[in-house]
Protein backbone atom coordinates (compact mmCIF):
# COMPACT_ATOMS: atom_id res chain seq x y z
CA MET A 1 -5.75 -19.83 -3.55
CA PRO A 2 -5.51 -19.21 -7.19
CA ALA A 3 -1.93 -18.95 -8.44
CA ALA A 4 -2.29 -14.89 -9.35
CA LEU A 5 -3.09 -12.23 -7.23
CA PHE A 6 -4.29 -10.10 -10.50
CA PRO A 7 -6.52 -12.53 -12.19
CA THR A 8 -8.22 -10.68 -13.75
CA LEU A 9 -5.27 -7.75 -15.08
CA HIS A 10 -5.38 -8.67 -18.48
CA GLN A 11 -9.19 -9.45 -19.27
CA SER A 12 -11.15 -5.61 -19.82
CA PRO A 13 -7.70 -3.34 -21.05
CA GLY A 14 -10.30 -0.96 -21.71
CA LYS A 15 -11.44 -0.71 -19.01
CA PRO A 16 -9.86 1.97 -16.19
CA ALA A 17 -8.40 0.17 -14.01
CA LEU A 18 -6.42 3.43 -11.77
CA ARG A 19 -7.39 7.88 -11.46
CA PHE A 20 -4.96 10.20 -10.04
CA GLY A 21 -7.41 13.31 -10.56
CA ASP A 22 -6.79 13.64 -14.52
CA GLN A 23 -4.92 10.86 -15.49
CA VAL A 24 -6.42 7.28 -15.95
CA VAL A 25 -4.89 4.77 -16.90
CA ASP A 26 -6.51 1.80 -18.34
CA TYR A 27 -6.34 -2.00 -17.44
CA GLY A 28 -3.97 -2.46 -20.93
CA ARG A 29 -1.99 0.77 -20.18
CA LEU A 30 -1.80 -0.45 -16.71
CA ALA A 31 -0.45 -4.31 -16.86
CA ALA A 32 1.91 -2.82 -20.10
CA ALA A 33 4.01 -1.00 -17.42
CA ALA A 34 3.17 -2.98 -14.76
CA HIS A 35 5.14 -5.83 -16.56
CA ALA A 36 7.82 -3.66 -19.06
CA LEU A 37 9.15 -2.82 -15.12
CA ALA A 38 8.74 -6.10 -13.36
CA LEU A 39 11.26 -7.37 -16.70
CA ARG A 40 13.40 -4.76 -15.08
CA ILE A 41 13.46 -5.60 -11.84
CA ALA A 42 13.44 -9.14 -11.90
CA GLU A 43 17.16 -10.22 -10.97
CA THR A 44 16.96 -7.66 -8.37
CA GLY A 45 16.37 -9.16 -4.45
CA ARG A 46 14.08 -5.73 -3.03
CA VAL A 47 13.18 -3.20 -3.75
CA ALA A 48 12.28 0.15 -2.15
CA VAL A 49 8.86 2.11 -3.65
CA TRP A 50 8.39 5.74 -3.06
CA ALA A 51 5.23 5.37 -2.83
CA THR A 52 3.42 9.19 -3.28
CA PRO A 53 -0.32 9.29 -4.03
CA SER A 54 0.31 8.79 -7.79
CA ALA A 55 -0.24 5.32 -10.57
CA HIS A 56 3.41 5.63 -10.48
CA THR A 57 2.82 3.75 -6.75
CA CYS A 58 0.49 1.23 -8.09
CA VAL A 59 2.51 0.25 -10.71
CA GLY A 60 6.06 -0.17 -9.23
CA VAL A 61 4.33 -2.19 -6.47
CA LEU A 62 2.05 -4.03 -8.86
CA ALA A 63 5.74 -4.94 -11.21
CA ALA A 64 7.52 -5.74 -8.15
CA LEU A 65 4.61 -8.41 -7.26
CA LEU A 66 4.06 -9.88 -10.68
CA ALA A 67 8.60 -10.25 -11.19
CA GLY A 68 8.08 -11.43 -7.24
CA VAL A 69 10.37 -8.62 -6.05
CA PRO A 70 9.63 -7.84 -2.06
CA ALA A 71 8.62 -4.67 -2.17
CA VAL A 72 8.88 -1.70 0.78
CA PRO A 73 6.83 0.84 0.62
CA VAL A 74 8.71 3.97 1.71
CA ASN A 75 6.52 7.05 2.98
CA PRO A 76 7.43 10.33 1.41
CA ARG A 77 7.20 12.31 4.53
CA ALA A 78 8.78 10.92 6.74
CA GLY A 79 11.73 12.26 7.91
CA VAL A 80 15.10 11.57 7.67
CA GLU A 81 16.96 9.09 10.25
CA GLU A 82 13.39 6.55 10.06
CA ILE A 83 14.19 6.42 5.75
CA ALA A 84 17.82 6.00 6.97
CA HIS A 85 16.43 3.45 9.37
CA ILE A 86 14.05 1.41 6.52
CA VAL A 87 16.64 1.40 4.21
CA SER A 88 19.55 -0.12 6.26
CA ASP A 89 17.25 -1.76 7.64
CA SER A 90 15.78 -3.84 4.65
CA THR A 91 18.43 -4.04 2.86
CA PRO A 92 16.83 -2.85 -1.29
CA ASP A 93 18.65 -3.65 -4.22
CA ARG A 94 17.44 -0.04 -5.98
CA VAL A 95 14.44 2.17 -5.61
CA LEU A 96 11.41 2.65 -7.45
CA ALA A 97 9.90 6.08 -8.04
CA ALA A 98 7.66 8.39 -10.46
CA PRO A 99 10.67 10.48 -12.61
CA GLY A 100 11.52 13.50 -11.32
CA ASP A 101 11.12 12.46 -8.02
CA GLU A 102 13.37 13.86 -5.31
CA LEU A 103 15.21 11.33 -3.30
CA PRO A 104 16.36 12.28 0.20
CA GLY A 105 19.21 10.52 2.08
CA ALA A 106 20.18 7.35 2.11
CA LEU A 107 17.29 6.44 -0.90
CA GLY A 108 18.63 9.01 -2.43
CA ALA A 109 21.98 7.14 -2.78
CA LEU A 110 19.83 3.56 -4.40
CA PRO A 111 20.54 2.25 -7.84
CA ARG A 112 17.02 4.12 -8.74
CA THR A 113 14.28 3.08 -11.84
CA ASP A 114 12.67 5.75 -12.62
CA VAL A 115 8.46 3.71 -13.03
CA ASP A 116 7.95 4.56 -17.05
CA LEU A 117 3.69 5.16 -17.93
CA GLU A 118 3.47 4.83 -21.50
CA PRO A 119 6.21 2.02 -21.87
CA GLU A 120 7.61 1.65 -25.43
CA GLY A 121 5.87 -1.79 -27.33
CA THR A 122 2.34 -3.15 -26.28
CA TYR A 123 2.99 -6.22 -24.02
CA ARG A 124 0.92 -9.54 -24.65
CA PRO A 125 0.30 -12.37 -21.90
CA ASP A 126 1.43 -15.33 -23.50
CA GLY A 127 0.56 -17.35 -19.73
CA THR A 128 4.72 -19.26 -19.90
CA THR A 129 4.95 -17.13 -16.15
CA SER A 130 4.42 -18.20 -13.16
CA ALA A 131 3.66 -17.17 -10.28
CA PRO A 132 5.69 -17.09 -7.12
CA ASP A 133 4.76 -19.91 -4.16
CA GLU A 134 2.16 -17.97 -2.16
CA SER A 135 4.47 -18.42 1.04
CA ALA A 136 6.99 -15.77 -1.06
CA PRO A 137 7.00 -12.56 1.36
CA ALA A 138 5.26 -9.82 -1.52
CA LEU A 139 5.20 -6.89 0.78
CA ILE A 140 8.04 -5.23 3.38
CA VAL A 141 5.49 -2.38 5.49
CA TYR A 142 7.27 -0.83 8.20
CA THR A 143 4.67 -0.22 11.65
CA SER A 144 5.68 2.99 13.41
CA GLY A 145 7.61 2.74 15.44
CA THR A 146 6.09 3.79 18.68
CA THR A 147 8.03 1.46 21.29
CA GLY A 148 11.07 2.09 18.82
CA PRO A 149 12.65 1.89 15.79
CA PRO A 150 10.13 0.98 13.03
CA LYS A 151 9.57 -3.08 12.59
CA GLY A 152 9.78 -4.09 9.29
CA VAL A 153 6.65 -6.02 8.92
CA VAL A 154 7.05 -9.36 6.04
CA LEU A 155 3.45 -10.09 4.38
CA PRO A 156 3.43 -13.80 2.31
CA ARG A 157 1.33 -12.93 -0.47
CA ARG A 158 -1.37 -15.31 0.10
CA ALA A 159 -1.67 -13.17 3.56
CA ILE A 160 -2.93 -10.46 0.49
CA ALA A 161 -4.82 -12.56 -1.46
CA GLY A 162 -6.21 -14.42 1.49
CA THR A 163 -7.28 -10.57 3.04
CA LEU A 164 -9.15 -9.46 0.08
CA ASP A 165 -10.93 -12.27 -0.89
CA ASP A 166 -11.83 -12.60 3.00
CA LEU A 167 -13.41 -8.70 2.42
CA ALA A 168 -14.41 -9.46 -1.46
CA ASP A 169 -17.13 -12.67 0.91
CA ALA A 170 -17.66 -9.54 3.56
CA TRP A 171 -18.42 -6.45 1.36
CA ALA A 172 -20.19 -7.73 -1.97
CA TRP A 173 -16.94 -6.83 -3.53
CA THR A 174 -16.73 -7.40 -7.54
CA GLY A 175 -14.70 -5.76 -10.34
CA ASP A 176 -18.05 -3.47 -10.78
CA ASP A 177 -17.18 -1.29 -7.53
CA VAL A 178 -14.73 1.91 -7.95
CA LEU A 179 -13.72 2.73 -5.00
CA VAL A 180 -12.62 6.44 -3.88
CA HIS A 181 -10.71 7.16 -1.20
CA ALA A 182 -7.52 9.31 -0.79
CA LEU A 183 -5.10 7.60 1.86
CA PRO A 184 -1.92 7.08 1.84
CA LEU A 185 -0.03 4.14 -0.42
CA PHE A 186 2.35 3.35 1.79
CA HIS A 187 0.22 1.61 4.47
CA VAL A 188 -2.08 -1.31 4.49
CA HIS A 189 -5.48 0.32 4.54
CA GLY A 190 -4.51 2.61 1.29
CA LEU A 191 -2.44 0.19 -0.67
CA ILE A 192 -3.22 -3.43 -0.20
CA LEU A 193 -6.96 -2.50 1.33
CA GLY A 194 -6.99 0.88 -0.98
CA VAL A 195 -5.01 -0.07 -3.76
CA LEU A 196 -4.63 -4.23 -4.50
CA GLY A 197 -8.14 -4.61 -4.03
CA PRO A 198 -9.65 -2.99 -6.87
CA LEU A 199 -6.83 -4.39 -9.06
CA ARG A 200 -7.43 -8.40 -7.41
CA ARG A 201 -11.54 -7.80 -8.46
CA GLY A 202 -11.06 -6.89 -11.58
CA GLY A 203 -11.83 -2.75 -10.37
CA THR A 204 -11.69 0.63 -10.41
CA LEU A 205 -9.71 2.71 -7.75
CA HIS A 206 -10.52 6.87 -7.21
CA HIS A 207 -7.87 8.62 -5.15
CA LEU A 208 -8.62 11.77 -4.65
CA GLY A 209 -4.93 12.96 -4.06
CA ARG A 210 -6.10 14.79 -0.58
CA PHE A 211 -8.59 14.16 1.19
CA SER A 212 -11.55 16.81 1.49
CA PRO A 213 -15.65 16.70 1.75
CA GLU A 214 -16.11 18.25 -2.03
CA GLY A 215 -13.87 16.46 -3.31
CA VAL A 216 -15.09 13.26 -2.57
CA ALA A 217 -18.90 13.95 -3.21
CA ALA A 218 -17.68 14.71 -6.82
CA ALA A 219 -15.83 11.22 -6.85
CA LEU A 220 -19.00 9.91 -5.33
CA GLU A 221 -21.55 11.19 -7.81
CA GLU A 222 -19.49 10.76 -11.21
CA GLY A 223 -19.75 7.20 -9.94
CA GLY A 224 -17.61 6.33 -6.96
CA THR A 225 -19.55 2.99 -5.29
CA VAL A 226 -17.30 2.61 -2.18
CA LEU A 227 -15.70 4.85 -0.07
CA PHE A 228 -12.50 4.01 1.93
CA GLY A 229 -11.44 6.43 5.03
CA VAL A 230 -10.10 6.98 8.54
CA PRO A 231 -12.40 8.54 11.63
CA THR A 232 -10.88 12.02 10.89
CA MET A 233 -12.22 12.28 7.30
CA TYR A 234 -15.39 10.77 8.16
CA HIS A 235 -15.21 13.64 11.37
CA ARG A 236 -14.76 16.63 9.11
CA LEU A 237 -17.33 14.94 6.79
CA ALA A 238 -20.64 14.99 9.88
CA GLU A 239 -19.20 18.43 10.36
CA VAL A 240 -20.20 19.49 7.04
CA LEU A 241 -23.74 17.26 7.41
CA ASP A 242 -25.08 18.93 10.38
CA GLY A 243 -23.54 21.95 10.38
CA GLY A 244 -26.01 22.63 7.36
CA ALA A 245 -23.24 24.39 5.34
CA ALA A 246 -19.77 24.84 2.86
CA ASP A 247 -16.69 23.01 5.68
CA GLY A 248 -14.19 26.05 5.70
CA ALA A 249 -11.25 24.45 2.89
CA GLY A 250 -13.26 22.27 0.38
CA GLY A 251 -16.24 24.05 0.04
CA ALA A 252 -18.27 21.05 0.38
CA ASP A 253 -21.91 21.66 -0.11
CA ALA A 254 -23.98 19.89 3.26
CA GLY A 255 -26.91 18.91 0.90
CA ARG A 256 -25.43 18.12 -2.61
CA LEU A 257 -22.98 15.68 0.26
CA ALA A 258 -25.63 14.44 1.51
CA ALA A 259 -27.06 13.00 -1.88
CA ALA A 260 -23.24 11.56 -3.09
CA LEU A 261 -22.47 9.07 0.24
CA ARG A 262 -26.66 8.48 0.06
CA GLY A 263 -25.92 6.86 -3.29
CA ALA A 264 -22.58 5.29 -2.26
CA ARG A 265 -22.89 1.33 -2.68
CA LEU A 266 -20.61 1.33 0.74
CA LEU A 267 -18.68 3.39 3.68
CA VAL A 268 -15.88 1.55 4.93
CA SER A 269 -14.27 2.93 7.97
CA GLY A 270 -10.90 1.49 9.85
CA SER A 271 -7.76 2.45 11.17
CA ALA A 272 -9.08 4.00 14.13
CA ALA A 273 -12.24 3.78 16.19
CA LEU A 274 -14.72 5.83 14.63
CA PRO A 275 -17.41 7.70 17.16
CA LEU A 276 -20.35 6.78 18.12
CA HIS A 277 -22.12 10.76 17.87
CA ASP A 278 -20.06 10.44 13.84
CA HIS A 279 -21.63 7.95 13.07
CA GLU A 280 -24.92 9.10 13.64
CA ARG A 281 -24.69 12.36 12.51
CA ILE A 282 -24.03 10.16 9.51
CA THR A 283 -26.44 8.20 9.69
CA ALA A 284 -29.11 10.75 10.12
CA ALA A 285 -28.19 12.99 7.29
CA THR A 286 -27.86 9.94 4.79
CA GLY A 287 -29.02 6.77 5.68
CA GLN A 288 -26.33 5.56 4.87
CA ARG A 289 -24.18 3.12 8.13
CA VAL A 290 -20.92 3.15 8.36
CA VAL A 291 -19.03 -0.62 8.32
CA GLU A 292 -16.02 -1.04 10.02
CA ARG A 293 -13.71 -3.38 10.01
CA TYR A 294 -10.41 -4.17 12.24
CA GLY A 295 -6.69 -5.35 11.52
CA MET A 296 -3.72 -4.20 11.58
CA THR A 297 -0.02 -4.69 9.94
CA GLU A 298 0.86 -8.04 10.85
CA THR A 299 -2.93 -9.10 10.53
CA LEU A 300 -4.45 -7.37 7.36
CA MET A 301 -7.40 -7.24 8.40
CA ILE A 302 -9.05 -9.84 11.28
CA THR A 303 -13.09 -9.04 11.84
CA SER A 304 -15.52 -6.56 9.89
CA VAL A 305 -19.34 -5.53 9.29
CA ARG A 306 -20.96 -7.25 7.09
CA ALA A 307 -22.62 -5.08 4.24
CA GLY A 308 -25.75 -5.80 4.48
CA GLY A 309 -26.14 -7.80 7.59
CA GLU A 310 -26.66 -6.38 10.79
CA HIS A 311 -25.01 -3.49 11.95
CA ARG A 312 -23.99 -1.71 15.56
CA ALA A 313 -22.36 1.08 15.70
CA GLY A 314 -19.06 1.10 17.81
CA THR A 315 -18.47 -2.33 16.82
CA VAL A 316 -15.77 -3.79 14.43
CA GLY A 317 -18.13 -7.17 13.78
CA VAL A 318 -17.36 -10.52 13.34
CA PRO A 319 -14.72 -12.24 12.49
CA LEU A 320 -13.77 -12.79 8.22
CA PRO A 321 -13.92 -16.22 7.27
CA SER A 322 -10.66 -17.79 6.74
CA VAL A 323 -9.74 -16.02 10.15
CA ASP A 324 -9.32 -17.59 14.24
CA VAL A 325 -9.87 -15.59 16.80
CA ARG A 326 -9.14 -15.26 20.91
CA LEU A 327 -10.07 -13.05 23.73
CA VAL A 328 -7.46 -14.00 26.25
CA ASP A 329 -7.61 -12.77 29.43
CA ASP A 330 -4.22 -11.97 31.91
CA ALA A 331 -3.11 -15.39 32.90
CA GLY A 332 -3.28 -16.30 29.18
CA GLU A 333 -6.26 -18.32 29.69
CA ARG A 334 -9.54 -17.98 26.76
CA ILE A 335 -12.96 -16.13 27.57
CA GLU A 336 -15.14 -18.33 26.41
CA GLY A 337 -18.67 -16.62 25.39
CA GLY A 338 -19.79 -13.32 25.07
CA ASP A 339 -21.36 -10.55 27.67
CA GLY A 340 -20.51 -8.13 25.70
CA GLU A 341 -19.10 -6.81 28.89
CA THR A 342 -15.64 -8.60 30.07
CA VAL A 343 -12.56 -7.35 28.53
CA GLY A 344 -9.51 -8.89 26.55
CA GLU A 345 -6.73 -8.88 24.96
CA VAL A 346 -7.61 -9.79 20.93
CA GLN A 347 -5.03 -12.50 19.80
CA VAL A 348 -5.55 -14.30 16.01
CA ARG A 349 -4.39 -16.64 13.85
CA GLY A 350 -4.57 -17.72 10.48
CA PRO A 351 -2.83 -17.31 6.15
CA ASN A 352 -3.85 -13.59 6.91
CA LEU A 353 -0.37 -14.01 9.15
CA PHE A 354 2.83 -12.48 8.72
CA THR A 355 5.95 -14.29 8.46
CA GLU A 356 8.01 -12.51 10.15
CA TYR A 357 9.09 -9.07 11.58
CA LEU A 358 12.42 -8.69 9.51
CA GLY A 359 15.63 -9.51 10.96
CA ARG A 360 14.36 -9.70 14.35
CA PRO A 361 13.83 -13.23 15.54
CA ASP A 362 13.75 -12.11 19.11
CA ALA A 363 10.75 -9.74 18.62
CA THR A 364 8.98 -12.01 16.23
CA ALA A 365 8.70 -15.35 19.25
CA GLN A 366 7.52 -12.54 21.42
CA ALA A 367 4.81 -11.03 19.67
CA PHE A 368 3.37 -15.35 19.20
CA ASP A 369 1.79 -17.14 22.32
CA GLY A 370 2.18 -20.68 20.52
CA GLY A 371 0.27 -20.07 17.22
CA TRP A 372 -1.54 -17.07 17.93
CA PHE A 373 -1.03 -13.63 17.24
CA ARG A 374 -0.28 -11.18 19.86
CA THR A 375 -2.20 -7.97 18.72
CA GLY A 376 -1.99 -6.14 21.88
CA ASP A 377 -5.85 -4.73 21.18
CA MET A 378 -8.09 -5.10 24.55
CA ALA A 379 -11.93 -6.04 22.57
CA VAL A 380 -15.12 -7.16 24.43
CA ARG A 381 -17.18 -9.03 22.10
CA ASP A 382 -21.40 -10.22 22.35
CA ALA A 383 -23.23 -13.29 22.76
CA ASP A 384 -23.49 -13.15 18.53
CA GLY A 385 -19.28 -12.78 18.23
CA CYS A 386 -18.99 -9.75 17.46
CA TYR A 387 -16.35 -6.93 18.66
CA ARG A 388 -15.84 -3.84 20.54
CA LEU A 389 -12.79 -2.63 20.42
CA VAL A 390 -12.01 -1.01 24.21
CA GLY A 391 -8.37 0.12 23.39
CA ARG A 392 -4.28 -1.02 23.09
CA ARG A 393 -2.90 -3.17 26.15
CA ALA A 394 -0.73 -0.43 26.65
CA THR A 395 -2.00 2.80 26.61
CA ASP A 396 -5.70 2.74 26.50
CA LEU A 397 -6.44 -0.19 29.17
CA ILE A 398 -6.47 1.63 32.45
CA LYS A 399 -6.44 -0.22 35.58
CA SER A 400 -8.28 2.41 38.40
CA GLY A 401 -9.47 1.37 41.39
CA GLY A 402 -10.00 -2.76 40.97
CA TYR A 403 -11.97 -2.26 37.80
CA ARG A 404 -10.12 -2.10 33.99
CA ILE A 405 -11.60 0.46 31.73
CA GLY A 406 -11.66 0.53 28.29
CA ALA A 407 -10.33 4.46 27.34
CA GLY A 408 -11.95 4.48 23.76
CA GLU A 409 -15.56 3.52 25.56
CA VAL A 410 -14.57 6.82 27.84
CA GLU A 411 -13.73 9.03 24.77
CA ASN A 412 -17.12 7.75 23.08
CA CYS A 413 -19.07 8.91 25.29
CA LEU A 414 -17.24 12.27 26.03
CA LEU A 415 -18.03 12.89 22.22
CA GLY A 416 -21.32 12.79 22.60
CA HIS A 417 -21.15 16.04 24.40
CA PRO A 418 -22.28 19.38 22.74
CA GLY A 419 -19.03 20.79 24.08
CA VAL A 420 -16.54 17.94 22.63
CA ALA A 421 -15.24 18.22 19.17
CA GLU A 422 -12.26 15.93 20.57
CA ALA A 423 -11.21 13.48 23.17
CA ALA A 424 -8.58 11.09 24.53
CA VAL A 425 -8.49 9.16 27.64
CA VAL A 426 -5.05 7.73 29.12
CA GLY A 427 -4.08 6.68 32.66
CA GLU A 428 -1.94 8.05 34.33
CA PRO A 429 -0.32 7.24 38.48
CA ASP A 430 -2.39 7.37 40.63
CA PRO A 431 -1.47 6.45 44.42
CA ASP A 432 -5.14 5.77 45.81
CA LEU A 433 -6.36 4.24 41.88
CA GLY A 434 -3.49 2.73 40.77
CA GLU A 435 -4.73 4.80 37.45
CA ARG A 436 -6.55 7.43 37.58
CA ILE A 437 -8.49 8.79 34.40
CA VAL A 438 -6.78 11.63 32.52
CA ALA A 439 -9.42 13.55 29.39
CA TRP A 440 -7.51 15.80 27.12
CA ILE A 441 -10.39 18.07 25.49
CA VAL A 442 -10.23 20.18 22.24
CA PRO A 443 -13.84 22.05 22.72
CA ALA A 444 -16.16 22.72 19.99
CA GLU A 445 -16.07 25.78 18.33
CA GLY A 446 -19.40 28.26 18.95
CA ARG A 447 -19.95 26.68 22.21
CA GLU A 448 -19.22 27.74 25.79
CA ARG A 449 -16.74 25.19 26.68
CA PRO A 450 -17.73 22.68 29.08
CA GLY A 451 -16.62 22.67 32.64
CA GLU A 452 -14.40 19.98 33.86
CA GLN A 453 -17.16 18.68 36.40
CA GLU A 454 -20.10 18.61 34.14
CA LEU A 455 -17.65 16.63 31.40
CA ALA A 456 -16.92 13.70 34.40
CA ASP A 457 -20.38 13.90 35.67
CA HIS A 458 -21.53 13.31 31.83
CA VAL A 459 -19.72 9.72 31.35
CA ALA A 460 -20.77 8.48 35.70
CA ARG A 461 -24.60 9.34 34.13
CA ARG A 462 -24.22 7.42 30.92
CA LEU A 463 -21.26 4.75 31.88
CA ALA A 464 -20.47 3.88 35.65
CA PRO A 465 -18.72 6.86 38.19
CA HIS A 466 -15.67 4.59 38.10
CA LYS A 467 -15.01 5.79 33.88
CA ARG A 468 -15.10 9.35 34.77
CA PRO A 469 -11.97 11.24 33.87
CA ARG A 470 -10.72 11.83 37.60
CA ALA A 471 -8.83 15.10 35.50
CA VAL A 472 -9.95 17.22 32.37
CA ARG A 473 -6.86 18.90 30.99
CA PHE A 474 -7.96 20.97 27.04
CA ALA A 475 -5.90 21.37 24.72
CA ASP A 476 -6.27 23.59 20.79
CA SER A 477 -5.38 20.13 18.71
CA LEU A 478 -4.24 16.84 19.84
CA PRO A 479 -1.55 15.16 18.43
CA ARG A 480 -2.40 12.81 15.26
CA ASN A 481 -0.24 10.60 12.86
CA GLU A 482 -0.65 10.58 9.40
CA MET A 483 -3.79 7.74 9.42
CA GLY A 484 -5.94 10.07 11.35
CA LYS A 485 -4.07 8.00 15.41
CA VAL A 486 -3.97 9.58 17.90
CA VAL A 487 0.21 9.99 19.81
CA LYS A 488 -0.82 9.14 23.20
CA ARG A 489 2.70 9.32 24.49
CA GLU A 490 3.14 12.56 23.27
CA LEU A 491 -0.03 13.48 25.20
CA ALA A 492 1.87 11.88 28.28
CA ARG A 493 4.47 14.61 27.78
CA GLY A 494 2.35 16.95 27.63
């Protein structure tokens, strides 16, 4: 692995590195700002970064990495209690923020260093500095806290470098690429892949600030080559493409959007499974196939569909070059071969793994089976080694009538019904079946609401009778987090 995380940082000082709206920061200015800030924080133990969608966040994180200081990105939309937990748990010595940003609660009580995008003087690398050891902590990223208070995931420098180089191999990612996205910058997807990825390659990030189909079309027309998004974003793109008219919020024209997407080199979806129906609509309108990849905070990236390789909608591809992946059954035994039907838990090992949950040796130990990290995700593998996720063990694996059923498979089937706009499937206790399949449905606008039996029959005909919903409930919307994932525990309360 190269000694430096950003070997191309000083190669092309006049080349655009970051674009946020009308603000463009070239590599020369980025390097000067980041190195100046790195000198100011070099003796710091840890720093929190107020992770707004801005160039200031990028410079703050880059400076921390150059200084060898672990950075803790903080979600600017987090509540006061969550921020207080992150601050008390990670004990940062100071916080980095853009000038004028108001910091809430415990974060505002920390010593503060403003991120200056226009430092005095010009930085000239002298080659005398050395990068920290590859096992040193680089980032502490907090989980969503679905099973308790958020845990701090300690990511070493080797994991970041390794996962980005694996993706460069899988996606033919180079310094010529201009990455377009509107993802939040406190999370692995938006920050590590979406910011550090382009900077490691020497490419350009064009951040939209706020997602809209119109913004995507404009950014791709202006030279964007790669688009990152989550399924909610691609669903909205598919709705515009399918409707053949302007979308309600952004005014994106279907023809213009289709042409822009057609001109992109690569469309990548992650953070949750992209429904087959949206895959099909986007491909039908643009000829483009959306590439899916799979990873999580503790593992960074695990698998991906390769650019230019065989594409199977609904799969997350094959293991990345440096990652070892296996499926295990309920007894913890490895599932050999691949029949595309046998469901097992995904376990992972490799240099991409986190080192610990901060201050939680018990939780860290419980997360591993020997040297294998237990992801809690359930999947099947086909004969070619390609993986398809079927859901989380805790919320998406339904054991009904002696069958093991992945909620994701049923959700994808329901989304193929013209009367269904959104679907979420959960298991509920049942005295006869053990668990019964319950579907939550957001009906499609402008269509007659489908009946419960109609939807159950739709699934039974296309999958198998035992996979049909035993109950269907309708809602105006599904609860989602900021990455577009449905929060199923809230459905259980409903």
